[in-house]
PDB file of all heavy atoms in Angstrom:
ATOM      1  N   TRP A   1       1.537  14.801  -9.636  1.00  0.00           N
ATOM      2  CA  TRP A   1       1.636  14.413  -8.225  1.00  0.00           C
ATOM      3  C   TRP A   1       0.369  13.714  -7.754  1.00  0.00           C
ATOM      4  O   TRP A   1       0.432  12.693  -7.057  1.00  0.00           O
ATOM      5  CB  TRP A   1       1.902  15.645  -7.369  1.00  0.00           C
ATOM      6  CG  TRP A   1       1.719  15.382  -5.898  1.00  0.00           C
ATOM      7  CD1 TRP A   1       2.496  14.597  -5.099  1.00  0.00           C
ATOM      8  CD2 TRP A   1       0.655  15.866  -5.066  1.00  0.00           C
ATOM      9  NE1 TRP A   1       2.006  14.575  -3.805  1.00  0.00           N
ATOM     10  CE2 TRP A   1       0.871  15.343  -3.757  1.00  0.00           C
ATOM     11  CE3 TRP A   1      -0.429  16.710  -5.273  1.00  0.00           C
ATOM     12  CZ2 TRP A   1       0.027  15.632  -2.697  1.00  0.00           C
ATOM     13  CZ3 TRP A   1      -1.265  16.994  -4.211  1.00  0.00           C
ATOM     14  CH2 TRP A   1      -1.041  16.455  -2.941  1.00  0.00           C
ATOM     15  N   ARG A   2      -0.798  14.250  -8.130  1.00  0.00           N
ATOM     16  CA  ARG A   2      -2.054  13.661  -7.696  1.00  0.00           C
ATOM     17  C   ARG A   2      -2.213  12.237  -8.238  1.00  0.00           C
ATOM     18  O   ARG A   2      -2.662  11.336  -7.526  1.00  0.00           O
ATOM     19  CB  ARG A   2      -3.226  14.534  -8.133  1.00  0.00           C
ATOM     20  CG  ARG A   2      -3.348  15.834  -7.363  1.00  0.00           C
ATOM     21  CD  ARG A   2      -4.698  16.497  -7.597  1.00  0.00           C
ATOM     22  NE  ARG A   2      -4.873  16.911  -8.976  1.00  0.00           N
ATOM     23  CZ  ARG A   2      -4.441  18.081  -9.462  1.00  0.00           C
ATOM     24  NH1 ARG A   2      -3.795  18.925  -8.678  1.00  0.00           N
ATOM     25  NH2 ARG A   2      -4.643  18.403 -10.720  1.00  0.00           N
ATOM     26  N   GLU A   3      -1.819  12.052  -9.506  1.00  0.00           N
ATOM     27  CA  GLU A   3      -1.941  10.718 -10.096  1.00  0.00           C
ATOM     28  C   GLU A   3      -0.978   9.733  -9.429  1.00  0.00           C
ATOM     29  O   GLU A   3      -1.347   8.601  -9.107  1.00  0.00           O
ATOM     30  CB  GLU A   3      -1.661  10.774 -11.595  1.00  0.00           C
ATOM     31  CG  GLU A   3      -1.863   9.426 -12.286  1.00  0.00           C
ATOM     32  CD  GLU A   3      -1.784   9.523 -13.794  1.00  0.00           C
ATOM     33  OE1 GLU A   3      -1.710  10.652 -14.319  1.00  0.00           O
ATOM     34  OE2 GLU A   3      -1.786   8.459 -14.442  1.00  0.00           O
ATOM     35  N   LEU A   4       0.268  10.167  -9.209  1.00  0.00           N
ATOM     36  CA  LEU A   4       1.253   9.300  -8.557  1.00  0.00           C
ATOM     37  C   LEU A   4       0.859   9.002  -7.115  1.00  0.00           C
ATOM     38  O   LEU A   4       1.020   7.881  -6.631  1.00  0.00           O
ATOM     39  CB  LEU A   4       2.633   9.962  -8.597  1.00  0.00           C
ATOM     40  CG  LEU A   4       3.346   9.978  -9.947  1.00  0.00           C
ATOM     41  CD1 LEU A   4       4.643  10.773  -9.854  1.00  0.00           C
ATOM     42  CD2 LEU A   4       3.630   8.569 -10.440  1.00  0.00           C
ATOM     43  N   ARG A   5       0.349  10.025  -6.416  1.00  0.00           N
ATOM     44  CA  ARG A   5      -0.069   9.833  -5.026  1.00  0.00           C
ATOM     45  C   ARG A   5      -1.194   8.809  -4.938  1.00  0.00           C
ATOM     46  O   ARG A   5      -1.149   7.878  -4.118  1.00  0.00           O
ATOM     47  CB  ARG A   5      -0.523  11.160  -4.434  1.00  0.00           C
ATOM     48  CG  ARG A   5      -1.019  11.059  -2.994  1.00  0.00           C
ATOM     49  CD  ARG A   5      -1.860  12.259  -2.616  1.00  0.00           C
ATOM     50  NE  ARG A   5      -3.039  12.377  -3.463  1.00  0.00           N
ATOM     51  CZ  ARG A   5      -3.935  13.362  -3.367  1.00  0.00           C
ATOM     52  NH1 ARG A   5      -3.764  14.320  -2.481  1.00  0.00           N
ATOM     53  NH2 ARG A   5      -4.986  13.399  -4.172  1.00  0.00           N
ATOM     54  N   ASN A   6      -2.215   8.975  -5.780  1.00  0.00           N
ATOM     55  CA  ASN A   6      -3.352   8.051  -5.760  1.00  0.00           C
ATOM     56  C   ASN A   6      -2.922   6.635  -6.133  1.00  0.00           C
ATOM     57  O   ASN A   6      -3.388   5.648  -5.542  1.00  0.00           O
ATOM     58  CB  ASN A   6      -4.446   8.538  -6.717  1.00  0.00           C
ATOM     59  CG  ASN A   6      -5.085   9.831  -6.241  1.00  0.00           C
ATOM     60  OD1 ASN A   6      -5.083  10.131  -5.051  1.00  0.00           O
ATOM     61  ND2 ASN A   6      -5.621  10.607  -7.166  1.00  0.00           N
ATOM     62  N   PHE A   7      -2.029   6.548  -7.119  1.00  0.00           N
ATOM     63  CA  PHE A   7      -1.532   5.237  -7.530  1.00  0.00           C
ATOM     64  C   PHE A   7      -0.756   4.588  -6.402  1.00  0.00           C
ATOM     65  O   PHE A   7      -0.903   3.384  -6.130  1.00  0.00           O
ATOM     66  CB  PHE A   7      -0.628   5.369  -8.764  1.00  0.00           C
ATOM     67  CG  PHE A   7       0.058   4.094  -9.151  1.00  0.00           C
ATOM     68  CD1 PHE A   7      -0.619   3.116  -9.873  1.00  0.00           C
ATOM     69  CD2 PHE A   7       1.374   3.853  -8.774  1.00  0.00           C
ATOM     70  CE1 PHE A   7       0.009   1.933 -10.209  1.00  0.00           C
ATOM     71  CE2 PHE A   7       2.006   2.674  -9.111  1.00  0.00           C
ATOM     72  CZ  PHE A   7       1.317   1.709  -9.835  1.00  0.00           C
ATOM     73  N   CYS A   8       0.079   5.380  -5.725  1.00  0.00           N
ATOM     74  CA  CYS A   8       0.890   4.868  -4.624  1.00  0.00           C
ATOM     75  C   CYS A   8       0.013   4.330  -3.502  1.00  0.00           C
ATOM     76  O   CYS A   8       0.221   3.209  -3.012  1.00  0.00           O
ATOM     77  CB  CYS A   8       1.802   5.980  -4.105  1.00  0.00           C
ATOM     78  SG  CYS A   8       2.868   5.483  -2.735  1.00  0.00           S
ATOM     79  N   LEU A   9      -0.977   5.110  -3.092  1.00  0.00           N
ATOM     80  CA  LEU A   9      -1.870   4.695  -2.012  1.00  0.00           C
ATOM     81  C   LEU A   9      -2.665   3.453  -2.400  1.00  0.00           C
ATOM     82  O   LEU A   9      -2.838   2.528  -1.597  1.00  0.00           O
ATOM     83  CB  LEU A   9      -2.822   5.831  -1.649  1.00  0.00           C
ATOM     84  CG  LEU A   9      -2.174   7.075  -1.033  1.00  0.00           C
ATOM     85  CD1 LEU A   9      -3.210   8.173  -0.846  1.00  0.00           C
ATOM     86  CD2 LEU A   9      -1.506   6.735   0.292  1.00  0.00           C
ATOM     87  N   ARG A  10      -3.158   3.424  -3.636  1.00  0.00           N
ATOM     88  CA  ARG A  10      -3.947   2.280  -4.106  1.00  0.00           C
ATOM     89  C   ARG A  10      -3.088   1.014  -4.174  1.00  0.00           C
ATOM     90  O   ARG A  10      -3.523  -0.065  -3.779  1.00  0.00           O
ATOM     91  CB  ARG A  10      -4.526   2.603  -5.489  1.00  0.00           C
ATOM     92  CG  ARG A  10      -5.460   1.524  -6.036  1.00  0.00           C
ATOM     93  CD  ARG A  10      -6.149   2.008  -7.296  1.00  0.00           C
ATOM     94  NE  ARG A  10      -5.205   2.316  -8.362  1.00  0.00           N
ATOM     95  CZ  ARG A  10      -4.925   3.552  -8.773  1.00  0.00           C
ATOM     96  NH1 ARG A  10      -5.499   4.606  -8.199  1.00  0.00           N
ATOM     97  NH2 ARG A  10      -4.059   3.762  -9.759  1.00  0.00           N
ATOM     98  N   THR A  11      -1.853   1.173  -4.643  1.00  0.00           N
ATOM     99  CA  THR A  11      -0.958   0.024  -4.774  1.00  0.00           C
ATOM    100  C   THR A  11      -0.555  -0.526  -3.416  1.00  0.00           C
ATOM    101  O   THR A  11      -0.535  -1.741  -3.215  1.00  0.00           O
ATOM    102  CB  THR A  11       0.306   0.426  -5.559  1.00  0.00           C
ATOM    103  OG1 THR A  11      -0.072   0.880  -6.860  1.00  0.00           O
ATOM    104  CG2 THR A  11       1.255  -0.752  -5.699  1.00  0.00           C
ATOM    105  N   LEU A  12      -0.240   0.365  -2.471  1.00  0.00           N
ATOM    106  CA  LEU A  12       0.132  -0.084  -1.131  1.00  0.00           C
ATOM    107  C   LEU A  12      -1.020  -0.837  -0.473  1.00  0.00           C
ATOM    108  O   LEU A  12      -0.811  -1.819   0.241  1.00  0.00           O
ATOM    109  CB  LEU A  12       0.541   1.116  -0.271  1.00  0.00           C
ATOM    110  CG  LEU A  12       1.867   1.782  -0.641  1.00  0.00           C
ATOM    111  CD1 LEU A  12       2.104   3.017   0.214  1.00  0.00           C
ATOM    112  CD2 LEU A  12       3.030   0.800  -0.483  1.00  0.00           C
ATOM    113  N   LYS A  13      -2.226  -0.380  -0.745  1.00  0.00           N
ATOM    114  CA  LYS A  13      -3.400  -1.061  -0.205  1.00  0.00           C
ATOM    115  C   LYS A  13      -3.534  -2.452  -0.824  1.00  0.00           C
ATOM    116  O   LYS A  13      -3.807  -3.436  -0.134  1.00  0.00           O
ATOM    117  CB  LYS A  13      -4.654  -0.240  -0.474  1.00  0.00           C
ATOM    118  CG  LYS A  13      -5.924  -0.856   0.097  1.00  0.00           C
ATOM    119  CD  LYS A  13      -7.131   0.023  -0.167  1.00  0.00           C
ATOM    120  CE  LYS A  13      -8.397  -0.604   0.387  1.00  0.00           C
ATOM    121  NZ  LYS A  13      -9.588   0.247   0.123  1.00  0.00           N
ATOM    122  N   ASP A  14      -3.341  -2.537  -2.138  1.00  0.00           N
ATOM    123  CA  ASP A  14      -3.435  -3.817  -2.832  1.00  0.00           C
ATOM    124  C   ASP A  14      -2.353  -4.796  -2.372  1.00  0.00           C
ATOM    125  O   ASP A  14      -2.571  -6.014  -2.342  1.00  0.00           O
ATOM    126  CB  ASP A  14      -3.328  -3.618  -4.349  1.00  0.00           C
ATOM    127  CG  ASP A  14      -4.524  -2.858  -4.914  1.00  0.00           C
ATOM    128  OD1 ASP A  14      -5.575  -2.828  -4.236  1.00  0.00           O
ATOM    129  OD2 ASP A  14      -4.402  -2.293  -6.022  1.00  0.00           O
ATOM    130  N   LEU A  15      -1.185  -4.250  -2.027  1.00  0.00           N
ATOM    131  CA  LEU A  15      -0.064  -5.098  -1.605  1.00  0.00           C
ATOM    132  C   LEU A  15      -0.167  -5.501  -0.136  1.00  0.00           C
ATOM    133  O   LEU A  15       0.681  -6.233   0.364  1.00  0.00           O
ATOM    134  CB  LEU A  15       1.267  -4.373  -1.846  1.00  0.00           C
ATOM    135  CG  LEU A  15       1.654  -4.164  -3.312  1.00  0.00           C
ATOM    136  CD1 LEU A  15       2.917  -3.313  -3.408  1.00  0.00           C
ATOM    137  CD2 LEU A  15       1.878  -5.496  -4.013  1.00  0.00           C
ATOM    138  N   GLY A  16      -1.191  -4.983   0.547  1.00  0.00           N
ATOM    139  CA  GLY A  16      -1.399  -5.390   1.922  1.00  0.00           C
ATOM    140  C   GLY A  16      -0.918  -4.419   2.955  1.00  0.00           C
ATOM    141  O   GLY A  16      -0.691  -4.783   4.110  1.00  0.00           O
ATOM    142  N   TYR A  17      -0.720  -3.164   2.569  1.00  0.00           N
ATOM    143  CA  TYR A  17      -0.292  -2.157   3.537  1.00  0.00           C
ATOM    144  C   TYR A  17      -1.350  -2.042   4.637  1.00  0.00           C
ATOM    145  O   TYR A  17      -2.537  -1.962   4.368  1.00  0.00           O
ATOM    146  CB  TYR A  17      -0.114  -0.814   2.840  1.00  0.00           C
ATOM    147  CG  TYR A  17       0.408   0.283   3.739  1.00  0.00           C
ATOM    148  CD1 TYR A  17       1.712   0.249   4.202  1.00  0.00           C
ATOM    149  CD2 TYR A  17      -0.406   1.336   4.122  1.00  0.00           C
ATOM    150  CE1 TYR A  17       2.199   1.252   5.017  1.00  0.00           C
ATOM    151  CE2 TYR A  17       0.071   2.346   4.934  1.00  0.00           C
ATOM    152  CZ  TYR A  17       1.377   2.295   5.377  1.00  0.00           C
ATOM    153  OH  TYR A  17       1.840   3.289   6.193  1.00  0.00           O
ATOM    154  N   ASN A  18      -0.897  -2.036   5.892  1.00  0.00           N
ATOM    155  CA  ASN A  18      -1.759  -1.981   7.074  1.00  0.00           C
ATOM    156  C   ASN A  18      -2.567  -3.267   7.250  1.00  0.00           C
ATOM    157  O   ASN A  18      -3.571  -3.279   7.937  1.00  0.00           O
ATOM    158  CB  ASN A  18      -2.723  -0.785   7.024  1.00  0.00           C
ATOM    159  CG  ASN A  18      -2.010   0.503   7.385  1.00  0.00           C
ATOM    160  OD1 ASN A  18      -0.975   0.484   8.034  1.00  0.00           O
ATOM    161  ND2 ASN A  18      -2.567   1.614   6.965  1.00  0.00           N
ATOM    162  N   LYS A  19      -2.140  -4.324   6.571  1.00  0.00           N
ATOM    163  CA  LYS A  19      -2.817  -5.602   6.721  1.00  0.00           C
ATOM    164  C   LYS A  19      -1.827  -6.643   7.251  1.00  0.00           C
ATOM    165  O   LYS A  19      -0.692  -6.332   7.598  1.00  0.00           O
ATOM    166  CB  LYS A  19      -3.404  -6.052   5.375  1.00  0.00           C
ATOM    167  CG  LYS A  19      -4.532  -5.142   4.881  1.00  0.00           C
ATOM    168  CD  LYS A  19      -5.097  -5.670   3.573  1.00  0.00           C
ATOM    169  CE  LYS A  19      -6.219  -4.757   3.066  1.00  0.00           C
ATOM    170  NZ  LYS A  19      -6.779  -5.241   1.788  1.00  0.00           N
ATOM    171  N   ARG A  20      -2.229  -7.890   7.251  1.00  0.00           N
ATOM    172  CA  ARG A  20      -1.411  -8.938   7.836  1.00  0.00           C
ATOM    173  C   ARG A  20      -0.107  -9.156   7.099  1.00  0.00           C
ATOM    174  O   ARG A  20       0.891  -9.572   7.693  1.00  0.00           O
ATOM    175  CB  ARG A  20      -2.214 -10.241   7.888  1.00  0.00           C
ATOM    176  CG  ARG A  20      -3.360 -10.203   8.895  1.00  0.00           C
ATOM    177  CD  ARG A  20      -4.043 -11.551   8.995  1.00  0.00           C
ATOM    178  NE  ARG A  20      -5.103 -11.529  10.000  1.00  0.00           N
ATOM    179  CZ  ARG A  20      -5.867 -12.576  10.286  1.00  0.00           C
ATOM    180  NH1 ARG A  20      -5.691 -13.721   9.630  1.00  0.00           N
ATOM    181  NH2 ARG A  20      -6.806 -12.471  11.211  1.00  0.00           N
ATOM    182  N   SER A  21      -0.080  -8.893   5.794  1.00  0.00           N
ATOM    183  CA  SER A  21       1.149  -9.115   5.028  1.00  0.00           C
ATOM    184  C   SER A  21       2.261  -8.211   5.515  1.00  0.00           C
ATOM    185  O   SER A  21       3.429  -8.601   5.554  1.00  0.00           O
ATOM    186  CB  SER A  21       0.903  -8.897   3.537  1.00  0.00           C
ATOM    187  OG  SER A  21       0.453  -7.581   3.302  1.00  0.00           O
ATOM    188  N   ILE A  22       1.919  -6.989   5.906  1.00  0.00           N
ATOM    189  CA  ILE A  22       2.911  -6.080   6.455  1.00  0.00           C
ATOM    190  C   ILE A  22       3.373  -6.592   7.809  1.00  0.00           C
ATOM    191  O   ILE A  22       4.556  -6.540   8.148  1.00  0.00           O
ATOM    192  CB  ILE A  22       2.349  -4.645   6.577  1.00  0.00           C
ATOM    193  CG1 ILE A  22       2.253  -4.005   5.205  1.00  0.00           C
ATOM    194  CG2 ILE A  22       3.210  -3.796   7.493  1.00  0.00           C
ATOM    195  CD1 ILE A  22       3.596  -3.727   4.566  1.00  0.00           C
ATOM    196  N   ASP A  23       2.439  -7.086   8.609  1.00  0.00           N
ATOM    197  CA  ASP A  23       2.793  -7.652   9.917  1.00  0.00           C
ATOM    198  C   ASP A  23       3.788  -8.790   9.755  1.00  0.00           C
ATOM    199  O   ASP A  23       4.731  -8.937  10.536  1.00  0.00           O
ATOM    200  CB  ASP A  23       1.546  -8.155  10.643  1.00  0.00           C
ATOM    201  CG  ASP A  23       0.609  -7.025  11.042  1.00  0.00           C
ATOM    202  OD1 ASP A  23       1.083  -5.880  11.132  1.00  0.00           O
ATOM    203  OD2 ASP A  23      -0.581  -7.302  11.269  1.00  0.00           O
ATOM    204  N   THR A  24       3.587  -9.592   8.722  1.00  0.00           N
ATOM    205  CA  THR A  24       4.487 -10.709   8.462  1.00  0.00           C
ATOM    206  C   THR A  24       5.886 -10.216   8.129  1.00  0.00           C
ATOM    207  O   THR A  24       6.888 -10.762   8.613  1.00  0.00           O
ATOM    208  CB  THR A  24       3.956 -11.563   7.291  1.00  0.00           C
ATOM    209  OG1 THR A  24       2.657 -12.042   7.609  1.00  0.00           O
ATOM    210  CG2 THR A  24       4.880 -12.735   7.011  1.00  0.00           C
ATOM    211  N   ARG A  25       5.958  -9.159   7.308  1.00  0.00           N
ATOM    212  CA  ARG A  25       7.264  -8.590   6.955  1.00  0.00           C
ATOM    213  C   ARG A  25       7.963  -8.027   8.183  1.00  0.00           C
ATOM    214  O   ARG A  25       9.184  -8.168   8.337  1.00  0.00           O
ATOM    215  CB  ARG A  25       7.081  -7.488   5.903  1.00  0.00           C
ATOM    216  CG  ARG A  25       6.661  -7.994   4.534  1.00  0.00           C
ATOM    217  CD  ARG A  25       6.650  -6.857   3.527  1.00  0.00           C
ATOM    218  NE  ARG A  25       6.410  -7.335   2.179  1.00  0.00           N
ATOM    219  CZ  ARG A  25       5.256  -7.278   1.549  1.00  0.00           C
ATOM    220  NH1 ARG A  25       4.211  -6.777   2.177  1.00  0.00           N
ATOM    221  NH2 ARG A  25       5.125  -7.717   0.320  1.00  0.00           N
ATOM    222  N   VAL A  26       7.206  -7.384   9.056  1.00  0.00           N
ATOM    223  CA  VAL A  26       7.784  -6.805  10.270  1.00  0.00           C
ATOM    224  C   VAL A  26       8.315  -7.905  11.180  1.00  0.00           C
ATOM    225  O   VAL A  26       9.443  -7.821  11.695  1.00  0.00           O
ATOM    226  CB  VAL A  26       6.743  -5.949  11.020  1.00  0.00           C
ATOM    227  CG1 VAL A  26       7.290  -5.516  12.375  1.00  0.00           C
ATOM    228  CG2 VAL A  26       6.368  -4.722  10.197  1.00  0.00           C
TER     229      VAL A  26
END
């Protein structure tokens, strides 16, 4: 769980989570 959680958070950050790319999708 810890490895998947960290990977998930890191990947979402890399993909632009909470950044402009998410705003564009919205």
